[in-house]
PDB file of N, CA and C in Angstrom:
ATOM      1  N   UNK A   1       0.841  -1.187   0.000  1.00  0.00           N
ATOM      2  CA  UNK A   1       0.000   0.000   0.000  1.00  0.00           C
ATOM      3  C   UNK A   1       0.880   1.243   0.000  1.00  0.00           C
ATOM      4  N   UNK A   2       0.527   2.211  -0.787  1.00  0.00           N
ATOM      5  CA  UNK A   2       1.225   3.480  -0.878  1.00  0.00           C
ATOM      6  C   UNK A   2       1.075   4.234   0.445  1.00  0.00           C
ATOM      7  N   UNK A   3       2.174   4.792   0.947  1.00  0.00           N
ATOM      8  CA  UNK A   3       2.118   5.498   2.223  1.00  0.00           C
ATOM      9  C   UNK A   3       1.222   6.732   2.177  1.00  0.00           C
ATOM     10  N   UNK A   4       0.919   7.244   0.989  1.00  0.00           N
ATOM     11  CA  UNK A   4       0.053   8.417   0.866  1.00  0.00           C
ATOM     12  C   UNK A   4      -1.423   8.076   1.014  1.00  0.00           C
ATOM     13  N   UNK A   5      -1.773   6.814   1.123  1.00  0.00           N
ATOM     14  CA  UNK A   5      -3.175   6.406   1.194  1.00  0.00           C
ATOM     15  C   UNK A   5      -3.860   6.902   2.464  1.00  0.00           C
ATOM     16  N   UNK A   6      -3.109   7.367   3.438  1.00  0.00           N
ATOM     17  CA  UNK A   6      -3.715   7.856   4.664  1.00  0.00           C
ATOM     18  C   UNK A   6      -4.125   9.319   4.553  1.00  0.00           C
ATOM     19  N   UNK A   7      -3.799   9.958   3.472  1.00  0.00           N
ATOM     20  CA  UNK A   7      -4.210  11.351   3.305  1.00  0.00           C
ATOM     21  C   UNK A   7      -5.733  11.437   3.331  1.00  0.00           C
ATOM     22  N   UNK A   8      -6.238  12.601   3.655  1.00  0.00           N
ATOM     23  CA  UNK A   8      -7.676  12.786   3.851  1.00  0.00           C
ATOM     24  C   UNK A   8      -8.494  12.339   2.640  1.00  0.00           C
ATOM     25  N   UNK A   9      -7.960  12.489   1.448  1.00  0.00           N
ATOM     26  CA  UNK A   9      -8.742  12.129   0.261  1.00  0.00           C
ATOM     27  C   UNK A   9      -8.761  10.629  -0.014  1.00  0.00           C
ATOM     28  N   UNK A  10      -8.043   9.838   0.771  1.00  0.00           N
ATOM     29  CA  UNK A  10      -8.088   8.374   0.652  1.00  0.00           C
ATOM     30  C   UNK A  10      -8.782   7.709   1.841  1.00  0.00           C
ATOM     31  N   UNK A  11      -9.183   8.481   2.821  1.00  0.00           N
ATOM     32  CA  UNK A  11      -9.731   7.903   4.040  1.00  0.00           C
ATOM     33  C   UNK A  11     -11.111   7.288   3.820  1.00  0.00           C
ATOM     34  N   UNK A  12     -11.420   6.285   4.635  1.00  0.00           N
ATOM     35  CA  UNK A  12     -12.745   5.699   4.667  1.00  0.00           C
ATOM     36  C   UNK A  12     -13.700   6.759   5.211  1.00  0.00           C
ATOM     37  N   UNK A  13     -14.796   6.982   4.528  1.00  0.00           N
ATOM     38  CA  UNK A  13     -15.698   8.063   4.919  1.00  0.00           C
ATOM     39  C   UNK A  13     -16.977   7.579   5.591  1.00  0.00           C
ATOM     40  N   UNK A  14     -16.988   6.333   6.029  1.00  0.00           N
ATOM     41  CA  UNK A  14     -18.147   5.825   6.767  1.00  0.00           C
ATOM     42  C   UNK A  14     -18.342   6.659   8.023  1.00  0.00           C
ATOM     43  N   UNK A  15     -19.537   7.161   8.197  1.00  0.00           N
ATOM     44  CA  UNK A  15     -19.852   7.945   9.387  1.00  0.00           C
ATOM     45  C   UNK A  15     -19.407   9.393   9.341  1.00  0.00           C
ATOM     46  N   UNK A  16     -18.933   9.860   8.200  1.00  0.00           N
ATOM     47  CA  UNK A  16     -18.498  11.249   8.105  1.00  0.00           C
ATOM     48  C   UNK A  16     -19.688  12.201   8.229  1.00  0.00           C
ATOM     49  N   UNK A  17     -19.431  13.346   8.820  1.00  0.00           N
ATOM     50  CA  UNK A  17     -20.439  14.390   8.963  1.00  0.00           C
ATOM     51  C   UNK A  17     -20.209  15.473   7.912  1.00  0.00           C
ATOM     52  N   UNK A  18     -21.122  16.435   7.883  1.00  0.00           N
ATOM     53  CA  UNK A  18     -20.967  17.565   6.961  1.00  0.00           C
ATOM     54  C   UNK A  18     -19.648  18.282   7.192  1.00  0.00           C
ATOM     55  N   UNK A  19     -19.259  18.436   8.456  1.00  0.00           N
ATOM     56  CA  UNK A  19     -18.005  19.150   8.745  1.00  0.00           C
ATOM     57  C   UNK A  19     -16.784  18.356   8.278  1.00  0.00           C
ATOM     58  N   UNK A  20     -16.856  17.027   8.294  1.00  0.00           N
ATOM     59  CA  UNK A  20     -15.752  16.214   7.779  1.00  0.00           C
ATOM     60  C   UNK A  20     -15.596  16.416   6.272  1.00  0.00           C
ATOM     61  N   UNK A  21     -16.729  16.383   5.555  1.00  0.00           N
ATOM     62  CA  UNK A  21     -16.677  16.610   4.108  1.00  0.00           C
ATOM     63  C   UNK A  21     -16.251  18.041   3.792  1.00  0.00           C
ATOM     64  N   UNK A  22     -16.654  18.978   4.632  1.00  0.00           N
ATOM     65  CA  UNK A  22     -16.237  20.364   4.446  1.00  0.00           C
ATOM     66  C   UNK A  22     -14.725  20.493   4.610  1.00  0.00           C
ATOM     67  N   UNK A  23     -14.155  19.780   5.590  1.00  0.00           N
ATOM     68  CA  UNK A  23     -12.695  19.802   5.786  1.00  0.00           C
ATOM     69  C   UNK A  23     -11.990  19.188   4.575  1.00  0.00           C
ATOM     70  N   UNK A  24     -12.533  18.104   4.055  1.00  0.00           N
ATOM     71  CA  UNK A  24     -11.978  17.483   2.848  1.00  0.00           C
ATOM     72  C   UNK A  24     -12.010  18.475   1.690  1.00  0.00           C
ATOM     73  N   UNK A  25     -13.142  19.144   1.525  1.00  0.00           N
ATOM     74  CA  UNK A  25     -13.276  20.122   0.444  1.00  0.00           C
ATOM     75  C   UNK A  25     -12.285  21.265   0.602  1.00  0.00           C
ATOM     76  N   UNK A  26     -12.117  21.763   1.812  1.00  0.00           N
ATOM     77  CA  UNK A  26     -11.165  22.855   2.045  1.00  0.00           C
ATOM     78  C   UNK A  26      -9.748  22.414   1.696  1.00  0.00           C
ATOM     79  N   UNK A  27      -9.373  21.191   2.080  1.00  0.00           N
ATOM     80  CA  UNK A  27      -8.034  20.691   1.768  1.00  0.00           C
ATOM     81  C   UNK A  27      -7.841  20.607   0.257  1.00  0.00           C
ATOM     82  N   UNK A  28      -8.793  20.000  -0.425  1.00  0.00           N
ATOM     83  CA  UNK A  28      -8.701  19.849  -1.882  1.00  0.00           C
ATOM     84  C   UNK A  28      -8.651  21.219  -2.549  1.00  0.00           C
ATOM     85  N   UNK A  29      -9.502  22.123  -2.111  1.00  0.00           N
ATOM     86  CA  UNK A  29      -9.567  23.457  -2.698  1.00  0.00           C
ATOM     87  C   UNK A  29      -8.239  24.200  -2.555  1.00  0.00           C
ATOM     88  N   UNK A  30      -7.642  24.120  -1.373  1.00  0.00           N
ATOM     89  CA  UNK A  30      -6.339  24.768  -1.150  1.00  0.00           C
ATOM     90  C   UNK A  30      -5.253  24.118  -2.001  1.00  0.00           C
ATOM     91  N   UNK A  31      -5.315  22.798  -2.130  1.00  0.00           N
ATOM     92  CA  UNK A  31      -4.339  22.087  -2.942  1.00  0.00           C
ATOM     93  C   UNK A  31      -4.413  22.580  -4.396  1.00  0.00           C
ATOM     94  N   UNK A  32      -5.618  22.719  -4.929  1.00  0.00           N
ATOM     95  CA  UNK A  32      -5.803  23.184  -6.300  1.00  0.00           C
ATOM     96  C   UNK A  32      -5.380  24.646  -6.420  1.00  0.00           C
ATOM     97  N   UNK A  33      -5.779  25.457  -5.456  1.00  0.00           N
ATOM     98  CA  UNK A  33      -5.439  26.887  -5.478  1.00  0.00           C
ATOM     99  C   UNK A  33      -3.930  27.096  -5.500  1.00  0.00           C
ATOM    100  N   UNK A  34      -3.209  26.394  -4.640  1.00  0.00           N
ATOM    101  CA  UNK A  34      -1.755  26.565  -4.558  1.00  0.00           C
ATOM    102  C   UNK A  34      -1.030  26.000  -5.772  1.00  0.00           C
ATOM    103  N   UNK A  35      -1.630  25.023  -6.436  1.00  0.00           N
ATOM    104  CA  UNK A  35      -0.975  24.423  -7.605  1.00  0.00           C
ATOM    105  C   UNK A  35      -0.859  25.413  -8.762  1.00  0.00           C
ATOM    106  N   UNK A  36      -1.703  26.439  -8.766  1.00  0.00           N
ATOM    107  CA  UNK A  36      -1.649  27.444  -9.836  1.00  0.00           C
ATOM    108  C   UNK A  36      -0.347  28.225  -9.800  1.00  0.00           C
ATOM    109  N   UNK A  37       0.297  28.257  -8.643  1.00  0.00           N
ATOM    110  CA  UNK A  37       1.547  29.002  -8.487  1.00  0.00           C
ATOM    111  C   UNK A  37       2.745  28.048  -8.484  1.00  0.00           C
ATOM    112  N   UNK A  38       2.671  26.997  -9.304  1.00  0.00           N
ATOM    113  CA  UNK A  38       3.711  25.970  -9.270  1.00  0.00           C
ATOM    114  C   UNK A  38       5.049  26.448  -9.819  1.00  0.00           C
ATOM    115  N   UNK A  39       5.066  27.549 -10.561  1.00  0.00           N
ATOM    116  CA  UNK A  39       6.315  28.063 -11.109  1.00  0.00           C
ATOM    117  C   UNK A  39       7.057  28.895 -10.070  1.00  0.00           C
ATOM    118  N   UNK A  40       6.323  29.713  -9.338  1.00  0.00           N
ATOM    119  CA  UNK A  40       6.974  30.680  -8.469  1.00  0.00           C
ATOM    120  C   UNK A  40       7.145  30.301  -7.022  1.00  0.00           C
ATOM    121  N   UNK A  41       6.435  29.295  -6.552  1.00  0.00           N
ATOM    122  CA  UNK A  41       6.538  29.017  -5.122  1.00  0.00           C
ATOM    123  C   UNK A  41       6.831  27.543  -4.849  1.00  0.00           C
ATOM    124  N   UNK A  42       7.521  27.326  -3.756  1.00  0.00           N
ATOM    125  CA  UNK A  42       7.840  25.964  -3.335  1.00  0.00           C
ATOM    126  C   UNK A  42       6.553  25.206  -3.011  1.00  0.00           C
ATOM    127  N   UNK A  43       5.645  25.840  -2.254  1.00  0.00           N
ATOM    128  CA  UNK A  43       4.389  25.195  -1.884  1.00  0.00           C
ATOM    129  C   UNK A  43       3.579  24.832  -3.124  1.00  0.00           C
ATOM    130  N   UNK A  44       3.580  25.700  -4.113  1.00  0.00           N
ATOM    131  CA  UNK A  44       2.866  25.426  -5.358  1.00  0.00           C
ATOM    132  C   UNK A  44       3.415  24.211  -6.076  1.00  0.00           C
ATOM    133  N   UNK A  45       4.729  24.079  -6.108  1.00  0.00           N
ATOM    134  CA  UNK A  45       5.345  22.911  -6.761  1.00  0.00           C
ATOM    135  C   UNK A  45       5.009  21.628  -6.005  1.00  0.00           C
ATOM    136  N   UNK A  46       5.052  21.696  -4.683  1.00  0.00           N
ATOM    137  CA  UNK A  46       4.729  20.530  -3.860  1.00  0.00           C
ATOM    138  C   UNK A  46       3.279  20.118  -4.100  1.00  0.00           C
ATOM    139  N   UNK A  47       2.377  21.082  -4.140  1.00  0.00           N
ATOM    140  CA  UNK A  47       0.954  20.772  -4.372  1.00  0.00           C
ATOM    141  C   UNK A  47       0.745  20.172  -5.754  1.00  0.00           C
ATOM    142  N   UNK A  48       1.433  20.680  -6.760  1.00  0.00           N
ATOM    143  CA  UNK A  48       1.301  20.138  -8.107  1.00  0.00           C
ATOM    144  C   UNK A  48       1.810  18.698  -8.147  1.00  0.00           C
ATOM    145  N   UNK A  49       2.920  18.410  -7.475  1.00  0.00           N
ATOM    146  CA  UNK A  49       3.417  17.026  -7.394  1.00  0.00           C
ATOM    147  C   UNK A  49       2.393  16.136  -6.695  1.00  0.00           C
ATOM    148  N   UNK A  50       1.788  16.655  -5.637  1.00  0.00           N
ATOM    149  CA  UNK A  50       0.766  15.887  -4.915  1.00  0.00           C
ATOM    150  C   UNK A  50      -0.416  15.568  -5.836  1.00  0.00           C
ATOM    151  N   UNK A  51      -0.845  16.544  -6.602  1.00  0.00           N
ATOM    152  CA  UNK A  51      -1.961  16.340  -7.528  1.00  0.00           C
ATOM    153  C   UNK A  51      -1.602  15.309  -8.589  1.00  0.00           C
ATOM    154  N   UNK A  52      -0.398  15.396  -9.129  1.00  0.00           N
ATOM    155  CA  UNK A  52       0.023  14.459 -10.170  1.00  0.00           C
ATOM    156  C   UNK A  52       0.184  13.039  -9.637  1.00  0.00           C
ATOM    157  N   UNK A  53       0.285  12.893  -8.313  1.00  0.00           N
ATOM    158  CA  UNK A  53       0.451  11.585  -7.690  1.00  0.00           C
ATOM    159  C   UNK A  53      -0.872  10.998  -7.189  1.00  0.00           C
ATOM    160  N   UNK A  54      -1.971  11.715  -7.354  1.00  0.00           N
ATOM    161  CA  UNK A  54      -3.262  11.235  -6.864  1.00  0.00           C
ATOM    162  C   UNK A  54      -3.680   9.961  -7.589  1.00  0.00           C
ATOM    163  N   UNK A  55      -4.191   9.004  -6.827  1.00  0.00           N
ATOM    164  CA  UNK A  55      -4.726   7.763  -7.383  1.00  0.00           C
ATOM    165  C   UNK A  55      -6.251   7.852  -7.320  1.00  0.00           C
ATOM    166  N   UNK A  56      -6.848   8.263  -8.409  1.00  0.00           N
ATOM    167  CA  UNK A  56      -8.289   8.505  -8.472  1.00  0.00           C
ATOM    168  C   UNK A  56      -9.078   7.236  -8.138  1.00  0.00           C
ATOM    169  N   UNK A  57      -8.581   6.093  -8.547  1.00  0.00           N
ATOM    170  CA  UNK A  57      -9.281   4.823  -8.319  1.00  0.00           C
ATOM    171  C   UNK A  57      -9.440   4.502  -6.832  1.00  0.00           C
ATOM    172  N   UNK A  58      -8.571   5.043  -5.995  1.00  0.00           N
ATOM    173  CA  UNK A  58      -8.613   4.766  -4.559  1.00  0.00           C
ATOM    174  C   UNK A  58      -9.533   5.713  -3.792  1.00  0.00           C
ATOM    175  N   UNK A  59     -10.170   6.643  -4.478  1.00  0.00           N
ATOM    176  CA  UNK A  59     -11.016   7.644  -3.827  1.00  0.00           C
ATOM    177  C   UNK A  59     -12.486   7.236  -3.862  1.00  0.00           C
ATOM    178  N   UNK A  60     -13.228   7.729  -2.888  1.00  0.00           N
ATOM    179  CA  UNK A  60     -14.677   7.525  -2.892  1.00  0.00           C
ATOM    180  C   UNK A  60     -15.308   8.406  -3.966  1.00  0.00           C
ATOM    181  N   UNK A  61     -16.547   8.129  -4.298  1.00  0.00           N
ATOM    182  CA  UNK A  61     -17.259   8.956  -5.276  1.00  0.00           C
ATOM    183  C   UNK A  61     -17.360  10.400  -4.795  1.00  0.00           C
ATOM    184  N   UNK A  62     -17.592  10.585  -3.502  1.00  0.00           N
ATOM    185  CA  UNK A  62     -17.697  11.933  -2.951  1.00  0.00           C
ATOM    186  C   UNK A  62     -16.396  12.719  -3.138  1.00  0.00           C
ATOM    187  N   UNK A  63     -15.275  12.056  -2.874  1.00  0.00           N
ATOM    188  CA  UNK A  63     -13.986  12.716  -3.032  1.00  0.00           C
ATOM    189  C   UNK A  63     -13.716  13.044  -4.491  1.00  0.00           C
ATOM    190  N   UNK A  64     -14.021  12.120  -5.377  1.00  0.00           N
ATOM    191  CA  UNK A  64     -13.828  12.379  -6.808  1.00  0.00           C
ATOM    192  C   UNK A  64     -14.630  13.579  -7.259  1.00  0.00           C
ATOM    193  N   UNK A  65     -15.890  13.652  -6.823  1.00  0.00           N
ATOM    194  CA  UNK A  65     -16.749  14.778  -7.213  1.00  0.00           C
ATOM    195  C   UNK A  65     -16.212  16.085  -6.641  1.00  0.00           C
ATOM    196  N   UNK A  66     -15.822  16.093  -5.380  1.00  0.00           N
ATOM    197  CA  UNK A  66     -15.286  17.324  -4.781  1.00  0.00           C
ATOM    198  C   UNK A  66     -14.001  17.760  -5.485  1.00  0.00           C
ATOM    199  N   UNK A  67     -13.145  16.811  -5.806  1.00  0.00           N
ATOM    200  CA  UNK A  67     -11.908  17.123  -6.515  1.00  0.00           C
ATOM    201  C   UNK A  67     -12.214  17.696  -7.895  1.00  0.00           C
ATOM    202  N   UNK A  68     -13.093  17.048  -8.618  1.00  0.00           N
ATOM    203  CA  UNK A  68     -13.425  17.493  -9.971  1.00  0.00           C
ATOM    204  C   UNK A  68     -14.062  18.883  -9.956  1.00  0.00           C
ATOM    205  N   UNK A  69     -14.989  19.107  -9.057  1.00  0.00           N
ATOM    206  CA  UNK A  69     -15.641  20.422  -8.965  1.00  0.00           C
ATOM    207  C   UNK A  69     -14.630  21.516  -8.592  1.00  0.00           C
ATOM    208  N   UNK A  70     -13.734  21.212  -7.668  1.00  0.00           N
ATOM    209  CA  UNK A  70     -12.716  22.198  -7.267  1.00  0.00           C
ATOM    210  C   UNK A  70     -11.802  22.528  -8.449  1.00  0.00           C
ATOM    211  N   UNK A  71     -11.427  21.512  -9.198  1.00  0.00           N
ATOM    212  CA  UNK A  71     -10.572  21.752 -10.363  1.00  0.00           C
ATOM    213  C   UNK A  71     -11.304  22.587 -11.408  1.00  0.00           C
ATOM    214  N   UNK A  72     -12.547  22.210 -11.717  1.00  0.00           N
ATOM    215  CA  UNK A  72     -13.311  22.950 -12.732  1.00  0.00           C
ATOM    216  C   UNK A  72     -13.541  24.402 -12.334  1.00  0.00           C
ATOM    217  N   UNK A  73     -13.728  24.651 -11.052  1.00  0.00           N
ATOM    218  CA  UNK A  73     -14.006  26.020 -10.621  1.00  0.00           C
ATOM    219  C   UNK A  73     -12.751  26.864 -10.412  1.00  0.00           C
ATOM    220  N   UNK A  74     -11.586  26.222 -10.195  1.00  0.00           N
ATOM    221  CA  UNK A  74     -10.388  26.996  -9.890  1.00  0.00           C
ATOM    222  C   UNK A  74      -9.287  26.918 -10.937  1.00  0.00           C
ATOM    223  N   UNK A  75      -9.110  25.752 -11.557  1.00  0.00           N
ATOM    224  CA  UNK A  75      -7.998  25.588 -12.485  1.00  0.00           C
ATOM    225  C   UNK A  75      -8.295  24.446 -13.467  1.00  0.00           C
ATOM    226  N   UNK A  76      -9.251  24.653 -14.392  1.00  0.00           N
ATOM    227  CA  UNK A  76      -9.680  23.579 -15.287  1.00  0.00           C
ATOM    228  C   UNK A  76      -8.562  23.001 -16.151  1.00  0.00           C
ATOM    229  N   UNK A  77      -7.520  23.751 -16.397  1.00  0.00           N
ATOM    230  CA  UNK A  77      -6.409  23.256 -17.226  1.00  0.00           C
ATOM    231  C   UNK A  77      -5.713  22.056 -16.587  1.00  0.00           C
ATOM    232  N   UNK A  78      -5.842  21.896 -15.271  1.00  0.00           N
ATOM    233  CA  UNK A  78      -5.208  20.758 -14.584  1.00  0.00           C
ATOM    234  C   UNK A  78      -5.686  19.415 -15.129  1.00  0.00           C
ATOM    235  N   UNK A  79      -6.930  19.344 -15.536  1.00  0.00           N
ATOM    236  CA  UNK A  79      -7.485  18.082 -16.049  1.00  0.00           C
ATOM    237  C   UNK A  79      -6.657  17.581 -17.224  1.00  0.00           C
ATOM    238  N   UNK A  80      -6.270  18.483 -18.099  1.00  0.00           N
ATOM    239  CA  UNK A  80      -5.491  18.079 -19.267  1.00  0.00           C
ATOM    240  C   UNK A  80      -3.988  18.040 -18.999  1.00  0.00           C
ATOM    241  N   UNK A  81      -3.536  18.764 -17.978  1.00  0.00           N
ATOM    242  CA  UNK A  81      -2.113  18.770 -17.642  1.00  0.00           C
ATOM    243  C   UNK A  81      -1.685  17.511 -16.890  1.00  0.00           C
ATOM    244  N   UNK A  82      -2.599  16.923 -16.154  1.00  0.00           N
ATOM    245  CA  UNK A  82      -2.271  15.780 -15.298  1.00  0.00           C
ATOM    246  C   UNK A  82      -3.004  14.540 -15.803  1.00  0.00           C
ATOM    247  N   UNK A  83      -2.255  13.630 -16.372  1.00  0.00           N
ATOM    248  CA  UNK A  83      -2.839  12.427 -16.967  1.00  0.00           C
ATOM    249  C   UNK A  83      -3.695  11.627 -15.990  1.00  0.00           C
ATOM    250  N   UNK A  84      -3.290  11.612 -14.730  1.00  0.00           N
ATOM    251  CA  UNK A  84      -4.031  10.848 -13.728  1.00  0.00           C
ATOM    252  C   UNK A  84      -5.426  11.415 -13.456  1.00  0.00           C
ATOM    253  N   UNK A  85      -5.683  12.645 -13.876  1.00  0.00           N
ATOM    254  CA  UNK A  85      -6.984  13.267 -13.623  1.00  0.00           C
ATOM    255  C   UNK A  85      -7.986  13.051 -14.757  1.00  0.00           C
ATOM    256  N   UNK A  86      -7.537  12.496 -15.872  1.00  0.00           N
ATOM    257  CA  UNK A  86      -8.426  12.286 -17.028  1.00  0.00           C
ATOM    258  C   UNK A  86      -9.693  11.534 -16.644  1.00  0.00           C
ATOM    259  N   UNK A  87      -9.565  10.564 -15.746  1.00  0.00           N
ATOM    260  CA  UNK A  87     -10.712   9.739 -15.351  1.00  0.00           C
ATOM    261  C   UNK A  87     -11.827  10.551 -14.714  1.00  0.00           C
ATOM    262  N   UNK A  88     -11.492  11.716 -14.186  1.00  0.00           N
ATOM    263  CA  UNK A  88     -12.515  12.549 -13.558  1.00  0.00           C
ATOM    264  C   UNK A  88     -13.547  13.041 -14.569  1.00  0.00           C
ATOM    265  N   UNK A  89     -13.177  13.098 -15.830  1.00  0.00           N
ATOM    266  CA  UNK A  89     -14.104  13.576 -16.865  1.00  0.00           C
ATOM    267  C   UNK A  89     -15.323  12.675 -17.018  1.00  0.00           C
ATOM    268  N   UNK A  90     -15.236  11.454 -16.519  1.00  0.00           N
ATOM    269  CA  UNK A  90     -16.333  10.501 -16.697  1.00  0.00           C
ATOM    270  C   UNK A  90     -17.180  10.310 -15.446  1.00  0.00           C
ATOM    271  N   UNK A  91     -16.926  11.066 -14.390  1.00  0.00           N
ATOM    272  CA  UNK A  91     -17.691  10.864 -13.163  1.00  0.00           C
ATOM    273  C   UNK A  91     -19.128  11.342 -13.345  1.00  0.00           C
ATOM    274  N   UNK A  92     -19.999  10.767 -12.561  1.00  0.00           N
ATOM    275  CA  UNK A  92     -21.419  11.114 -12.574  1.00  0.00           C
ATOM    276  C   UNK A  92     -21.752  11.909 -11.323  1.00  0.00           C
ATOM    277  N   UNK A  93     -22.854  12.656 -11.355  1.00  0.00           N
ATOM    278  CA  UNK A  93     -23.289  13.340 -10.135  1.00  0.00           C
ATOM    279  C   UNK A  93     -23.559  12.326  -9.018  1.00  0.00           C
ATOM    280  N   UNK A  94     -23.403  12.768  -7.805  1.00  0.00           N
ATOM    281  CA  UNK A  94     -23.671  11.904  -6.657  1.00  0.00           C
ATOM    282  C   UNK A  94     -25.154  11.552  -6.613  1.00  0.00           C
ATOM    283  N   UNK A  95     -25.469  10.345  -6.213  1.00  0.00           N
ATOM    284  CA  UNK A  95     -26.872   9.941  -6.116  1.00  0.00           C
ATOM    285  C   UNK A  95     -27.531  10.554  -4.882  1.00  0.00           C
ATOM    286  N   UNK A  96     -26.758  10.752  -3.832  1.00  0.00           N
ATOM    287  CA  UNK A  96     -27.265  11.378  -2.606  1.00  0.00           C
ATOM    288  C   UNK A  96     -26.626  12.756  -2.474  1.00  0.00           C
ATOM    289  N   UNK A  97     -27.435  13.770  -2.230  1.00  0.00           N
ATOM    290  CA  UNK A  97     -26.917  15.137  -2.103  1.00  0.00           C
ATOM    291  C   UNK A  97     -25.894  15.219  -0.980  1.00  0.00           C
ATOM    292  N   UNK A  98     -24.782  15.859  -1.270  1.00  0.00           N
ATOM    293  CA  UNK A  98     -23.719  16.072  -0.292  1.00  0.00           C
ATOM    294  C   UNK A  98     -23.766  17.531   0.138  1.00  0.00           C
ATOM    295  N   UNK A  99     -24.019  17.742   1.418  1.00  0.00           N
ATOM    296  CA  UNK A  99     -24.111  19.096   1.966  1.00  0.00           C
ATOM    297  C   UNK A  99     -22.859  19.346   2.803  1.00  0.00           C
ATOM    298  N   UNK A 100     -22.108  20.375   2.425  1.00  0.00           N
ATOM    299  CA  UNK A 100     -20.874  20.692   3.134  1.00  0.00           C
ATOM    300  C   UNK A 100     -21.095  21.677   4.271  1.00  0.00           C
ATOM    301  N   UNK A 101     -22.123  22.501   4.150  1.00  0.00           N
ATOM    302  CA  UNK A 101     -22.426  23.493   5.170  1.00  0.00           C
ATOM    303  C   UNK A 101     -23.938  23.494   5.385  1.00  0.00           C
ATOM    304  N   UNK A 102     -24.408  23.079   6.539  1.00  0.00           N
ATOM    305  CA  UNK A 102     -25.859  22.975   6.757  1.00  0.00           C
ATOM    306  C   UNK A 102     -26.574  24.326   6.763  1.00  0.00           C
ATOM    307  N   UNK A 103     -25.830  25.409   6.861  1.00  0.00           N
ATOM    308  CA  UNK A 103     -26.446  26.729   6.921  1.00  0.00           C
ATOM    309  C   UNK A 103     -26.508  27.424   5.566  1.00  0.00           C
ATOM    310  N   UNK A 104     -25.885  26.832   4.591  1.00  0.00           N
ATOM    311  CA  UNK A 104     -25.853  27.436   3.264  1.00  0.00           C
ATOM    312  C   UNK A 104     -26.339  26.395   2.270  1.00  0.00           C
ATOM    313  N   UNK A 105     -27.394  26.679   1.588  1.00  0.00           N
ATOM    314  CA  UNK A 105     -28.006  25.697   0.692  1.00  0.00           C
ATOM    315  C   UNK A 105     -27.829  26.055  -0.779  1.00  0.00           C
ATOM    316  N   UNK A 106     -26.819  26.831  -1.077  1.00  0.00           N
ATOM    317  CA  UNK A 106     -26.548  27.177  -2.468  1.00  0.00           C
ATOM    318  C   UNK A 106     -25.111  26.808  -2.784  1.00  0.00           C
ATOM    319  N   UNK A 107     -24.603  27.316  -3.842  1.00  0.00           N
ATOM    320  CA  UNK A 107     -23.230  27.050  -4.243  1.00  0.00           C
ATOM    321  C   UNK A 107     -23.113  27.294  -5.727  1.00  0.00           C
ATOM    322  N   UNK A 108     -21.937  27.112  -6.242  1.00  0.00           N
ATOM    323  CA  UNK A 108     -21.746  27.377  -7.661  1.00  0.00           C
ATOM    324  C   UNK A 108     -22.456  26.316  -8.498  1.00  0.00           C
ATOM    325  N   UNK A 109     -22.741  26.673  -9.730  1.00  0.00           N
ATOM    326  CA  UNK A 109     -23.451  25.772 -10.646  1.00  0.00           C
ATOM    327  C   UNK A 109     -22.678  24.479 -10.864  1.00  0.00           C
ATOM    328  N   UNK A 110     -21.357  24.563 -10.876  1.00  0.00           N
ATOM    329  CA  UNK A 110     -20.543  23.360 -11.076  1.00  0.00           C
ATOM    330  C   UNK A 110     -20.825  22.347  -9.971  1.00  0.00           C
ATOM    331  N   UNK A 111     -20.850  22.805  -8.739  1.00  0.00           N
ATOM    332  CA  UNK A 111     -21.092  21.908  -7.613  1.00  0.00           C
ATOM    333  C   UNK A 111     -22.532  21.393  -7.636  1.00  0.00           C
ATOM    334  N   UNK A 112     -23.484  22.268  -7.911  1.00  0.00           N
ATOM    335  CA  UNK A 112     -24.892  21.846  -7.966  1.00  0.00           C
ATOM    336  C   UNK A 112     -25.101  20.783  -9.041  1.00  0.00           C
ATOM    337  N   UNK A 113     -24.400  20.908 -10.158  1.00  0.00           N
ATOM    338  CA  UNK A 113     -24.509  19.929 -11.246  1.00  0.00           C
ATOM    339  C   UNK A 113     -24.139  18.532 -10.763  1.00  0.00           C
ATOM    340  N   UNK A 114     -23.229  18.452  -9.780  1.00  0.00           N
ATOM    341  CA  UNK A 114     -22.792  17.153  -9.256  1.00  0.00           C
ATOM    342  C   UNK A 114     -23.429  16.822  -7.913  1.00  0.00           C
ATOM    343  N   UNK A 115     -24.505  17.541  -7.566  1.00  0.00           N
ATOM    344  CA  UNK A 115     -25.321  17.279  -6.383  1.00  0.00           C
ATOM    345  C   UNK A 115     -24.592  17.590  -5.073  1.00  0.00           C
ATOM    346  N   UNK A 116     -23.827  18.675  -5.080  1.00  0.00           N
ATOM    347  CA  UNK A 116     -23.105  19.131  -3.887  1.00  0.00           C
ATOM    348  C   UNK A 116     -23.561  20.540  -3.555  1.00  0.00           C
ATOM    349  N   UNK A 117     -23.905  20.764  -2.295  1.00  0.00           N
ATOM    350  CA  UNK A 117     -24.256  22.106  -1.810  1.00  0.00           C
ATOM    351  C   UNK A 117     -23.272  22.503  -0.731  1.00  0.00           C
ATOM    352  N   UNK A 118     -22.799  23.737  -0.849  1.00  0.00           N
ATOM    353  CA  UNK A 118     -21.866  24.242   0.168  1.00  0.00           C
ATOM    354  C   UNK A 118     -22.054  25.718   0.369  1.00  0.00           C
TER     355      UNK A 118
END
């Protein structure tokens, strides 16, 4: 087993609450945000390496959707830059609505398209 499998995006999500999924989303969002600065900053390069090392097959459907939505909303070019992310293009919306914040029932159209509210 790859030692990176313990990262939040590989964890078993049985029993997760809205705040757990919100923490996952925040981590993924920051990872994508920092990857945009991969030329000028050390943290950006590290995040880009982390993204290129992601094993999509080991993620839950919820994680795949959150990752894909974060990429589409922040840095869509990553899908074509990182071969390992190609599989995200074929994901389907979640069958059960995923709510990241119980007090906010809206969100961007990209997230709503995949049945996520935050």
